[in-house]
PDB file of all heavy atoms in Angstrom:
ATOM      1  N   ASP A   1       0.797  -1.225   0.000  1.00  0.00           N
ATOM      2  CA  ASP A   1       0.000   0.000   0.000  1.00  0.00           C
ATOM      3  C   ASP A   1       0.832   1.278   0.000  1.00  0.00           C
ATOM      4  O   ASP A   1       1.104   1.859   1.067  1.00  0.00           O
ATOM      5  CB  ASP A   1      -0.940   0.014   1.209  1.00  0.00           C
ATOM      6  CG  ASP A   1      -2.348  -0.386   0.839  1.00  0.00           C
ATOM      7  OD1 ASP A   1      -2.609  -0.638  -0.349  1.00  0.00           O
ATOM      8  OD2 ASP A   1      -3.199  -0.456   1.738  1.00  0.00           O
ATOM      9  N   PRO A   2       1.237   1.769  -1.169  1.00  0.00           N
ATOM     10  CA  PRO A   2       1.704   3.153  -1.223  1.00  0.00           C
ATOM     11  C   PRO A   2       0.524   4.078  -0.944  1.00  0.00           C
ATOM     12  O   PRO A   2      -0.634   3.708  -1.170  1.00  0.00           O
ATOM     13  CB  PRO A   2       2.204   3.298  -2.664  1.00  0.00           C
ATOM     14  CG  PRO A   2       1.452   2.277  -3.434  1.00  0.00           C
ATOM     15  CD  PRO A   2       1.196   1.137  -2.498  1.00  0.00           C
ATOM     16  N   VAL A   3       0.805   5.260  -0.431  1.00  0.00           N
ATOM     17  CA  VAL A   3      -0.270   6.221  -0.179  1.00  0.00           C
ATOM     18  C   VAL A   3       0.078   7.553  -0.832  1.00  0.00           C
ATOM     19  O   VAL A   3       1.253   7.878  -1.058  1.00  0.00           O
ATOM     20  CB  VAL A   3      -0.526   6.431   1.328  1.00  0.00           C
ATOM     21  CG1 VAL A   3      -1.010   5.141   1.975  1.00  0.00           C
ATOM     22  CG2 VAL A   3       0.706   6.968   2.042  1.00  0.00           C
ATOM     23  N   THR A   4      -0.965   8.324  -1.124  1.00  0.00           N
ATOM     24  CA  THR A   4      -0.811   9.655  -1.705  1.00  0.00           C
ATOM     25  C   THR A   4      -1.194  10.690  -0.661  1.00  0.00           C
ATOM     26  O   THR A   4      -2.253  10.578  -0.027  1.00  0.00           O
ATOM     27  CB  THR A   4      -1.713   9.809  -2.937  1.00  0.00           C
ATOM     28  OG1 THR A   4      -1.356   8.827  -3.908  1.00  0.00           O
ATOM     29  CG2 THR A   4      -1.565  11.186  -3.547  1.00  0.00           C
ATOM     30  N   LEU A   5      -0.315  11.690  -0.460  1.00  0.00           N
ATOM     31  CA  LEU A   5      -0.596  12.731   0.526  1.00  0.00           C
ATOM     32  C   LEU A   5      -1.610  13.708  -0.049  1.00  0.00           C
ATOM     33  O   LEU A   5      -1.337  14.431  -1.018  1.00  0.00           O
ATOM     34  CB  LEU A   5       0.692  13.465   0.902  1.00  0.00           C
ATOM     35  CG  LEU A   5       0.566  14.524   2.001  1.00  0.00           C
ATOM     36  CD1 LEU A   5       0.106  13.884   3.309  1.00  0.00           C
ATOM     37  CD2 LEU A   5       1.889  15.255   2.206  1.00  0.00           C
ATOM     38  N   ASP A   6      -2.804  13.742   0.558  1.00  0.00           N
ATOM     39  CA  ASP A   6      -3.902  14.558   0.040  1.00  0.00           C
ATOM     40  C   ASP A   6      -4.119  15.843   0.832  1.00  0.00           C
ATOM     41  O   ASP A   6      -4.515  16.863   0.260  1.00  0.00           O
ATOM     42  CB  ASP A   6      -5.204  13.737   0.061  1.00  0.00           C
ATOM     43  CG  ASP A   6      -5.103  12.459  -0.760  1.00  0.00           C
ATOM     44  OD1 ASP A   6      -4.562  12.508  -1.872  1.00  0.00           O
ATOM     45  OD2 ASP A   6      -5.554  11.406  -0.265  1.00  0.00           O
ATOM     46  N   VAL A   7      -3.916  15.792   2.138  1.00  0.00           N
ATOM     47  CA  VAL A   7      -4.229  16.936   3.002  1.00  0.00           C
ATOM     48  C   VAL A   7      -3.137  17.090   4.049  1.00  0.00           C
ATOM     49  O   VAL A   7      -2.673  16.094   4.625  1.00  0.00           O
ATOM     50  CB  VAL A   7      -5.592  16.736   3.710  1.00  0.00           C
ATOM     51  CG1 VAL A   7      -5.882  17.877   4.680  1.00  0.00           C
ATOM     52  CG2 VAL A   7      -6.721  16.614   2.694  1.00  0.00           C
ATOM     53  N   LEU A   8      -2.724  18.354   4.298  1.00  0.00           N
ATOM     54  CA  LEU A   8      -1.807  18.667   5.393  1.00  0.00           C
ATOM     55  C   LEU A   8      -2.212  20.051   5.897  1.00  0.00           C
ATOM     56  O   LEU A   8      -1.883  21.075   5.289  1.00  0.00           O
ATOM     57  CB  LEU A   8      -0.356  18.659   4.908  1.00  0.00           C
ATOM     58  CG  LEU A   8       0.729  18.599   5.979  1.00  0.00           C
ATOM     59  CD1 LEU A   8       0.636  17.297   6.775  1.00  0.00           C
ATOM     60  CD2 LEU A   8       2.112  18.725   5.360  1.00  0.00           C
ATOM     61  N   VAL A   9      -2.959  20.056   7.010  1.00  0.00           N
ATOM     62  CA  VAL A   9      -3.558  21.292   7.499  1.00  0.00           C
ATOM     63  C   VAL A   9      -3.139  21.539   8.940  1.00  0.00           C
ATOM     64  O   VAL A   9      -3.235  20.649   9.794  1.00  0.00           O
ATOM     65  CB  VAL A   9      -5.096  21.233   7.405  1.00  0.00           C
ATOM     66  CG1 VAL A   9      -5.722  22.489   8.006  1.00  0.00           C
ATOM     67  CG2 VAL A   9      -5.534  21.088   5.961  1.00  0.00           C
ATOM     68  N   ASP A  10      -2.692  22.777   9.201  1.00  0.00           N
ATOM     69  CA  ASP A  10      -2.338  23.196  10.550  1.00  0.00           C
ATOM     70  C   ASP A  10      -3.491  24.007  11.122  1.00  0.00           C
ATOM     71  O   ASP A  10      -4.064  24.861  10.445  1.00  0.00           O
ATOM     72  CB  ASP A  10      -1.065  24.045  10.500  1.00  0.00           C
ATOM     73  CG  ASP A  10      -0.474  24.282  11.871  1.00  0.00           C
ATOM     74  OD1 ASP A  10      -1.061  25.094  12.624  1.00  0.00           O
ATOM     75  OD2 ASP A  10       0.562  23.677  12.188  1.00  0.00           O
ATOM     76  N   ASP A  11      -3.864  23.722  12.385  1.00  0.00           N
ATOM     77  CA  ASP A  11      -5.037  24.394  12.951  1.00  0.00           C
ATOM     78  C   ASP A  11      -4.794  25.867  13.238  1.00  0.00           C
ATOM     79  O   ASP A  11      -5.748  26.632  13.443  1.00  0.00           O
ATOM     80  CB  ASP A  11      -5.532  23.670  14.211  1.00  0.00           C
ATOM     81  CG  ASP A  11      -4.556  23.749  15.376  1.00  0.00           C
ATOM     82  OD1 ASP A  11      -3.356  24.036  15.152  1.00  0.00           O
ATOM     83  OD2 ASP A  11      -4.993  23.508  16.526  1.00  0.00           O
ATOM     84  N   VAL A  12      -3.540  26.295  13.239  1.00  0.00           N
ATOM     85  CA  VAL A  12      -3.215  27.709  13.427  1.00  0.00           C
ATOM     86  C   VAL A  12      -2.799  28.355  12.110  1.00  0.00           C
ATOM     87  O   VAL A  12      -3.219  29.472  11.780  1.00  0.00           O
ATOM     88  CB  VAL A  12      -2.100  27.883  14.471  1.00  0.00           C
ATOM     89  CG1 VAL A  12      -1.680  29.353  14.580  1.00  0.00           C
ATOM     90  CG2 VAL A  12      -2.550  27.363  15.828  1.00  0.00           C
ATOM     91  N   TYR A  13      -2.027  27.620  11.309  1.00  0.00           N
ATOM     92  CA  TYR A  13      -1.391  28.222  10.134  1.00  0.00           C
ATOM     93  C   TYR A  13      -1.999  27.764   8.804  1.00  0.00           C
ATOM     94  O   TYR A  13      -1.485  28.093   7.743  1.00  0.00           O
ATOM     95  CB  TYR A  13       0.110  27.940  10.167  1.00  0.00           C
ATOM     96  CG  TYR A  13       0.745  28.412  11.454  1.00  0.00           C
ATOM     97  CD1 TYR A  13       1.264  27.515  12.380  1.00  0.00           C
ATOM     98  CD2 TYR A  13       0.783  29.770  11.764  1.00  0.00           C
ATOM     99  CE1 TYR A  13       1.825  27.953  13.566  1.00  0.00           C
ATOM    100  CE2 TYR A  13       1.346  30.213  12.959  1.00  0.00           C
ATOM    101  CZ  TYR A  13       1.857  29.301  13.854  1.00  0.00           C
ATOM    102  OH  TYR A  13       2.396  29.740  15.034  1.00  0.00           O
ATOM    103  N   GLY A  14      -3.108  26.992   8.855  1.00  0.00           N
ATOM    104  CA  GLY A  14      -3.855  26.706   7.647  1.00  0.00           C
ATOM    105  C   GLY A  14      -3.285  25.603   6.783  1.00  0.00           C
ATOM    106  O   GLY A  14      -2.529  24.734   7.241  1.00  0.00           O
ATOM    107  N   ASP A  15      -3.644  25.662   5.489  1.00  0.00           N
ATOM    108  CA  ASP A  15      -3.319  24.617   4.511  1.00  0.00           C
ATOM    109  C   ASP A  15      -1.842  24.703   4.127  1.00  0.00           C
ATOM    110  O   ASP A  15      -1.423  25.621   3.411  1.00  0.00           O
ATOM    111  CB  ASP A  15      -4.204  24.786   3.275  1.00  0.00           C
ATOM    112  CG  ASP A  15      -3.968  23.697   2.235  1.00  0.00           C
ATOM    113  OD1 ASP A  15      -3.174  22.775   2.502  1.00  0.00           O
ATOM    114  OD2 ASP A  15      -4.583  23.800   1.151  1.00  0.00           O
ATOM    115  N   LEU A  16      -1.090  23.707   4.571  1.00  0.00           N
ATOM    116  CA  LEU A  16       0.349  23.731   4.315  1.00  0.00           C
ATOM    117  C   LEU A  16       0.686  23.278   2.900  1.00  0.00           C
ATOM    118  O   LEU A  16       1.826  23.461   2.451  1.00  0.00           O
ATOM    119  CB  LEU A  16       1.081  22.853   5.334  1.00  0.00           C
ATOM    120  CG  LEU A  16       0.867  23.262   6.798  1.00  0.00           C
ATOM    121  CD1 LEU A  16       1.595  22.295   7.724  1.00  0.00           C
ATOM    122  CD2 LEU A  16       1.324  24.696   7.037  1.00  0.00           C
ATOM    123  N   LEU A  17      -0.275  22.670   2.196  1.00  0.00           N
ATOM    124  CA  LEU A  17      -0.041  22.265   0.809  1.00  0.00           C
ATOM    125  C   LEU A  17      -0.348  23.406  -0.172  1.00  0.00           C
ATOM    126  O   LEU A  17      -0.177  23.245  -1.383  1.00  0.00           O
ATOM    127  CB  LEU A  17      -0.883  21.037   0.453  1.00  0.00           C
ATOM    128  CG  LEU A  17      -0.610  19.781   1.291  1.00  0.00           C
ATOM    129  CD1 LEU A  17      -1.452  18.613   0.780  1.00  0.00           C
ATOM    130  CD2 LEU A  17       0.869  19.404   1.273  1.00  0.00           C
ATOM    131  N   ASP A  18      -0.785  24.557   0.381  1.00  0.00           N
ATOM    132  CA  ASP A  18      -1.081  25.740  -0.428  1.00  0.00           C
ATOM    133  C   ASP A  18       0.164  26.610  -0.498  1.00  0.00           C
ATOM    134  O   ASP A  18       0.571  27.224   0.497  1.00  0.00           O
ATOM    135  CB  ASP A  18      -2.244  26.506   0.197  1.00  0.00           C
ATOM    136  CG  ASP A  18      -2.580  27.794  -0.544  1.00  0.00           C
ATOM    137  OD1 ASP A  18      -1.996  28.034  -1.621  1.00  0.00           O
ATOM    138  OD2 ASP A  18      -3.424  28.553  -0.036  1.00  0.00           O
ATOM    139  N   GLY A  19       0.757  26.672  -1.683  1.00  0.00           N
ATOM    140  CA  GLY A  19       1.977  27.466  -1.843  1.00  0.00           C
ATOM    141  C   GLY A  19       1.769  28.942  -1.638  1.00  0.00           C
ATOM    142  O   GLY A  19       2.740  29.687  -1.443  1.00  0.00           O
ATOM    143  N   ALA A  20       0.512  29.410  -1.663  1.00  0.00           N
ATOM    144  CA  ALA A  20       0.221  30.833  -1.480  1.00  0.00           C
ATOM    145  C   ALA A  20      -0.264  31.145  -0.067  1.00  0.00           C
ATOM    146  O   ALA A  20      -0.724  32.266   0.191  1.00  0.00           O
ATOM    147  CB  ALA A  20      -0.826  31.278  -2.502  1.00  0.00           C
ATOM    148  N   ASN A  21      -0.167  30.211   0.844  1.00  0.00           N
ATOM    149  CA  ASN A  21      -0.629  30.410   2.213  1.00  0.00           C
ATOM    150  C   ASN A  21       0.104  31.612   2.825  1.00  0.00           C
ATOM    151  O   ASN A  21       1.330  31.580   3.007  1.00  0.00           O
ATOM    152  CB  ASN A  21      -0.360  29.141   3.024  1.00  0.00           C
ATOM    153  CG  ASN A  21      -0.879  29.219   4.443  1.00  0.00           C
ATOM    154  OD1 ASN A  21      -1.095  30.283   4.998  1.00  0.00           O
ATOM    155  ND2 ASN A  21      -1.065  28.050   5.059  1.00  0.00           N
ATOM    156  N   PRO A  22      -0.620  32.685   3.194  1.00  0.00           N
ATOM    157  CA  PRO A  22       0.049  33.893   3.692  1.00  0.00           C
ATOM    158  C   PRO A  22       0.499  33.798   5.142  1.00  0.00           C
ATOM    159  O   PRO A  22       1.198  34.701   5.631  1.00  0.00           O
ATOM    160  CB  PRO A  22      -1.039  34.966   3.525  1.00  0.00           C
ATOM    161  CG  PRO A  22      -2.325  34.213   3.704  1.00  0.00           C
ATOM    162  CD  PRO A  22      -2.088  32.855   3.098  1.00  0.00           C
ATOM    163  N   LEU A  23       0.091  32.741   5.841  1.00  0.00           N
ATOM    164  CA  LEU A  23       0.411  32.618   7.267  1.00  0.00           C
ATOM    165  C   LEU A  23       1.764  31.983   7.523  1.00  0.00           C
ATOM    166  O   LEU A  23       2.215  31.917   8.672  1.00  0.00           O
ATOM    167  CB  LEU A  23      -0.676  31.806   7.977  1.00  0.00           C
ATOM    168  CG  LEU A  23      -2.094  32.376   7.900  1.00  0.00           C
ATOM    169  CD1 LEU A  23      -3.074  31.440   8.609  1.00  0.00           C
ATOM    170  CD2 LEU A  23      -2.154  33.779   8.508  1.00  0.00           C
ATOM    171  N   VAL A  24       2.407  31.481   6.468  1.00  0.00           N
ATOM    172  CA  VAL A  24       3.700  30.803   6.632  1.00  0.00           C
ATOM    173  C   VAL A  24       4.681  31.336   5.607  1.00  0.00           C
ATOM    174  O   VAL A  24       4.303  31.961   4.604  1.00  0.00           O
ATOM    175  CB  VAL A  24       3.545  29.273   6.469  1.00  0.00           C
ATOM    176  CG1 VAL A  24       2.661  28.698   7.563  1.00  0.00           C
ATOM    177  CG2 VAL A  24       2.998  28.912   5.102  1.00  0.00           C
ATOM    178  N   SER A  25       5.952  31.059   5.869  1.00  0.00           N
ATOM    179  CA  SER A  25       7.005  31.412   4.913  1.00  0.00           C
ATOM    180  C   SER A  25       8.011  30.271   4.856  1.00  0.00           C
ATOM    181  O   SER A  25       7.976  29.356   5.689  1.00  0.00           O
ATOM    182  CB  SER A  25       7.695  32.716   5.328  1.00  0.00           C
ATOM    183  OG  SER A  25       8.292  32.583   6.616  1.00  0.00           O
ATOM    184  N   SER A  26       8.871  30.319   3.846  1.00  0.00           N
ATOM    185  CA  SER A  26       9.873  29.260   3.658  1.00  0.00           C
ATOM    186  C   SER A  26       9.201  27.884   3.717  1.00  0.00           C
ATOM    187  O   SER A  26       9.727  26.948   4.331  1.00  0.00           O
ATOM    188  CB  SER A  26      10.983  29.353   4.709  1.00  0.00           C
ATOM    189  OG  SER A  26      11.607  30.615   4.653  1.00  0.00           O
ATOM    190  N   ASN A  27       8.039  27.766   3.081  1.00  0.00           N
ATOM    191  CA  ASN A  27       7.187  26.581   3.204  1.00  0.00           C
ATOM    192  C   ASN A  27       7.561  25.531   2.146  1.00  0.00           C
ATOM    193  O   ASN A  27       7.249  25.699   0.967  1.00  0.00           O
ATOM    194  CB  ASN A  27       5.726  26.982   3.054  1.00  0.00           C
ATOM    195  CG  ASN A  27       4.783  25.799   3.119  1.00  0.00           C
ATOM    196  OD1 ASN A  27       5.124  24.754   3.669  1.00  0.00           O
ATOM    197  ND2 ASN A  27       3.598  25.963   2.555  1.00  0.00           N
ATOM    198  N   THR A  28       8.219  24.453   2.580  1.00  0.00           N
ATOM    199  CA  THR A  28       8.554  23.358   1.655  1.00  0.00           C
ATOM    200  C   THR A  28       7.455  22.302   1.590  1.00  0.00           C
ATOM    201  O   THR A  28       7.537  21.363   0.801  1.00  0.00           O
ATOM    202  CB  THR A  28       9.873  22.680   2.058  1.00  0.00           C
ATOM    203  OG1 THR A  28       9.718  22.035   3.324  1.00  0.00           O
ATOM    204  CG2 THR A  28      11.012  23.690   2.135  1.00  0.00           C
ATOM    205  N   CYS A  29       6.430  22.448   2.429  1.00  0.00           N
ATOM    206  CA  CYS A  29       5.356  21.439   2.467  1.00  0.00           C
ATOM    207  C   CYS A  29       4.507  21.470   1.200  1.00  0.00           C
ATOM    208  O   CYS A  29       3.969  20.436   0.779  1.00  0.00           O
ATOM    209  CB  CYS A  29       4.475  21.659   3.684  1.00  0.00           C
ATOM    210  SG  CYS A  29       5.336  21.441   5.265  1.00  0.00           S
ATOM    211  N   ALA A  30       4.350  22.669   0.613  1.00  0.00           N
ATOM    212  CA  ALA A  30       3.484  22.788  -0.553  1.00  0.00           C
ATOM    213  C   ALA A  30       3.935  21.859  -1.676  1.00  0.00           C
ATOM    214  O   ALA A  30       3.109  21.366  -2.455  1.00  0.00           O
ATOM    215  CB  ALA A  30       3.457  24.228  -1.034  1.00  0.00           C
ATOM    216  N   ALA A  31       5.234  21.603  -1.766  1.00  0.00           N
ATOM    217  CA  ALA A  31       5.755  20.737  -2.832  1.00  0.00           C
ATOM    218  C   ALA A  31       5.359  19.284  -2.662  1.00  0.00           C
ATOM    219  O   ALA A  31       5.543  18.474  -3.580  1.00  0.00           O
ATOM    220  CB  ALA A  31       7.281  20.859  -2.890  1.00  0.00           C
ATOM    221  N   LEU A  32       4.809  18.924  -1.503  1.00  0.00           N
ATOM    222  CA  LEU A  32       4.462  17.520  -1.237  1.00  0.00           C
ATOM    223  C   LEU A  32       3.037  17.170  -1.662  1.00  0.00           C
ATOM    224  O   LEU A  32       2.646  16.005  -1.550  1.00  0.00           O
ATOM    225  CB  LEU A  32       4.620  17.221   0.257  1.00  0.00           C
ATOM    226  CG  LEU A  32       6.024  17.403   0.844  1.00  0.00           C
ATOM    227  CD1 LEU A  32       6.011  17.006   2.316  1.00  0.00           C
ATOM    228  CD2 LEU A  32       7.053  16.595   0.075  1.00  0.00           C
ATOM    229  N   ALA A  33       2.252  18.137  -2.126  1.00  0.00           N
ATOM    230  CA  ALA A  33       0.865  17.863  -2.512  1.00  0.00           C
ATOM    231  C   ALA A  33       0.829  16.767  -3.573  1.00  0.00           C
ATOM    232  O   ALA A  33       1.461  16.865  -4.622  1.00  0.00           O
ATOM    233  CB  ALA A  33       0.208  19.127  -3.034  1.00  0.00           C
ATOM    234  N   GLY A  34       0.084  15.690  -3.290  1.00  0.00           N
ATOM    235  CA  GLY A  34      -0.039  14.588  -4.239  1.00  0.00           C
ATOM    236  C   GLY A  34       1.136  13.648  -4.275  1.00  0.00           C
ATOM    237  O   GLY A  34       1.168  12.727  -5.095  1.00  0.00           O
ATOM    238  N   ASP A  35       2.108  13.841  -3.388  1.00  0.00           N
ATOM    239  CA  ASP A  35       3.275  12.947  -3.362  1.00  0.00           C
ATOM    240  C   ASP A  35       2.871  11.533  -2.965  1.00  0.00           C
ATOM    241  O   ASP A  35       1.995  11.325  -2.124  1.00  0.00           O
ATOM    242  CB  ASP A  35       4.317  13.458  -2.365  1.00  0.00           C
ATOM    243  CG  ASP A  35       5.438  14.220  -3.046  1.00  0.00           C
ATOM    244  OD1 ASP A  35       5.232  14.648  -4.195  1.00  0.00           O
ATOM    245  OD2 ASP A  35       6.502  14.387  -2.424  1.00  0.00           O
ATOM    246  N   THR A  36       3.537  10.548  -3.556  1.00  0.00           N
ATOM    247  CA  THR A  36       3.353   9.151  -3.181  1.00  0.00           C
ATOM    248  C   THR A  36       4.395   8.773  -2.142  1.00  0.00           C
ATOM    249  O   THR A  36       5.591   9.035  -2.318  1.00  0.00           O
ATOM    250  CB  THR A  36       3.481   8.233  -4.401  1.00  0.00           C
ATOM    251  OG1 THR A  36       2.428   8.524  -5.313  1.00  0.00           O
ATOM    252  CG2 THR A  36       3.383   6.756  -3.999  1.00  0.00           C
ATOM    253  N   ILE A  37       3.926   8.156  -1.066  1.00  0.00           N
ATOM    254  CA  ILE A  37       4.818   7.686   0.001  1.00  0.00           C
ATOM    255  C   ILE A  37       4.783   6.165  -0.018  1.00  0.00           C
ATOM    256  O   ILE A  37       3.734   5.553   0.204  1.00  0.00           O
ATOM    257  CB  ILE A  37       4.377   8.205   1.381  1.00  0.00           C
ATOM    258  CG1 ILE A  37       4.058   9.698   1.337  1.00  0.00           C
ATOM    259  CG2 ILE A  37       5.461   7.907   2.416  1.00  0.00           C
ATOM    260  CD1 ILE A  37       3.436  10.227   2.619  1.00  0.00           C
ATOM    261  N   LEU A  38       5.910   5.552  -0.305  1.00  0.00           N
ATOM    262  CA  LEU A  38       5.972   4.097  -0.381  1.00  0.00           C
ATOM    263  C   LEU A  38       5.857   3.483   1.006  1.00  0.00           C
ATOM    264  O   LEU A  38       6.194   4.123   2.013  1.00  0.00           O
ATOM    265  CB  LEU A  38       7.278   3.669  -1.039  1.00  0.00           C
ATOM    266  CG  LEU A  38       7.466   4.097  -2.499  1.00  0.00           C
ATOM    267  CD1 LEU A  38       8.835   3.657  -3.010  1.00  0.00           C
ATOM    268  CD2 LEU A  38       6.360   3.524  -3.384  1.00  0.00           C
ATOM    269  N   PRO A  39       5.389   2.234   1.091  1.00  0.00           N
ATOM    270  CA  PRO A  39       5.329   1.564   2.400  1.00  0.00           C
ATOM    271  C   PRO A  39       6.704   1.557   3.063  1.00  0.00           C
ATOM    272  O   PRO A  39       7.712   1.227   2.429  1.00  0.00           O
ATOM    273  CB  PRO A  39       4.877   0.146   2.044  1.00  0.00           C
ATOM    274  CG  PRO A  39       4.158   0.289   0.746  1.00  0.00           C
ATOM    275  CD  PRO A  39       4.870   1.378   0.001  1.00  0.00           C
ATOM    276  N   GLY A  40       6.730   1.963   4.319  1.00  0.00           N
ATOM    277  CA  GLY A  40       7.994   2.048   5.044  1.00  0.00           C
ATOM    278  C   GLY A  40       8.754   3.330   4.793  1.00  0.00           C
ATOM    279  O   GLY A  40       9.781   3.570   5.423  1.00  0.00           O
ATOM    280  N   GLY A  41       8.275   4.166   3.881  1.00  0.00           N
ATOM    281  CA  GLY A  41       8.932   5.435   3.574  1.00  0.00           C
ATOM    282  C   GLY A  41       8.258   6.608   4.275  1.00  0.00           C
ATOM    283  O   GLY A  41       7.273   6.452   5.013  1.00  0.00           O
ATOM    284  N   PHE A  42       8.787   7.811   4.034  1.00  0.00           N
ATOM    285  CA  PHE A  42       8.224   9.009   4.642  1.00  0.00           C
ATOM    286  C   PHE A  42       8.523  10.224   3.780  1.00  0.00           C
ATOM    287  O   PHE A  42       9.386  10.178   2.891  1.00  0.00           O
ATOM    288  CB  PHE A  42       8.772   9.229   6.059  1.00  0.00           C
ATOM    289  CG  PHE A  42      10.237   9.583   6.101  1.00  0.00           C
ATOM    290  CD1 PHE A  42      10.659  10.912   6.064  1.00  0.00           C
ATOM    291  CD2 PHE A  42      11.214   8.597   6.170  1.00  0.00           C
ATOM    292  CE1 PHE A  42      12.009  11.239   6.096  1.00  0.00           C
ATOM    293  CE2 PHE A  42      12.563   8.913   6.209  1.00  0.00           C
ATOM    294  CZ  PHE A  42      12.964  10.240   6.169  1.00  0.00           C
ATOM    295  N   VAL A  43       7.781  11.302   4.025  1.00  0.00           N
ATOM    296  CA  VAL A  43       8.099  12.614   3.465  1.00  0.00           C
ATOM    297  C   VAL A  43       8.222  13.578   4.629  1.00  0.00           C
ATOM    298  O   VAL A  43       7.636  13.367   5.702  1.00  0.00           O
ATOM    299  CB  VAL A  43       7.036  13.091   2.461  1.00  0.00           C
ATOM    300  CG1 VAL A  43       7.038  12.217   1.218  1.00  0.00           C
ATOM    301  CG2 VAL A  43       5.649  13.129   3.089  1.00  0.00           C
TER     302      VAL A  43
END
């Protein structure tokens, strides 16, 4: 079971997969939207 990262939301700083999120800076999380994570792997 590989999985696809669909949602990454912070309750204070909002949608971390949104590259235009104004509440954060230097945000590398946006690049992970739709990434596949292999079993035993991580992002």
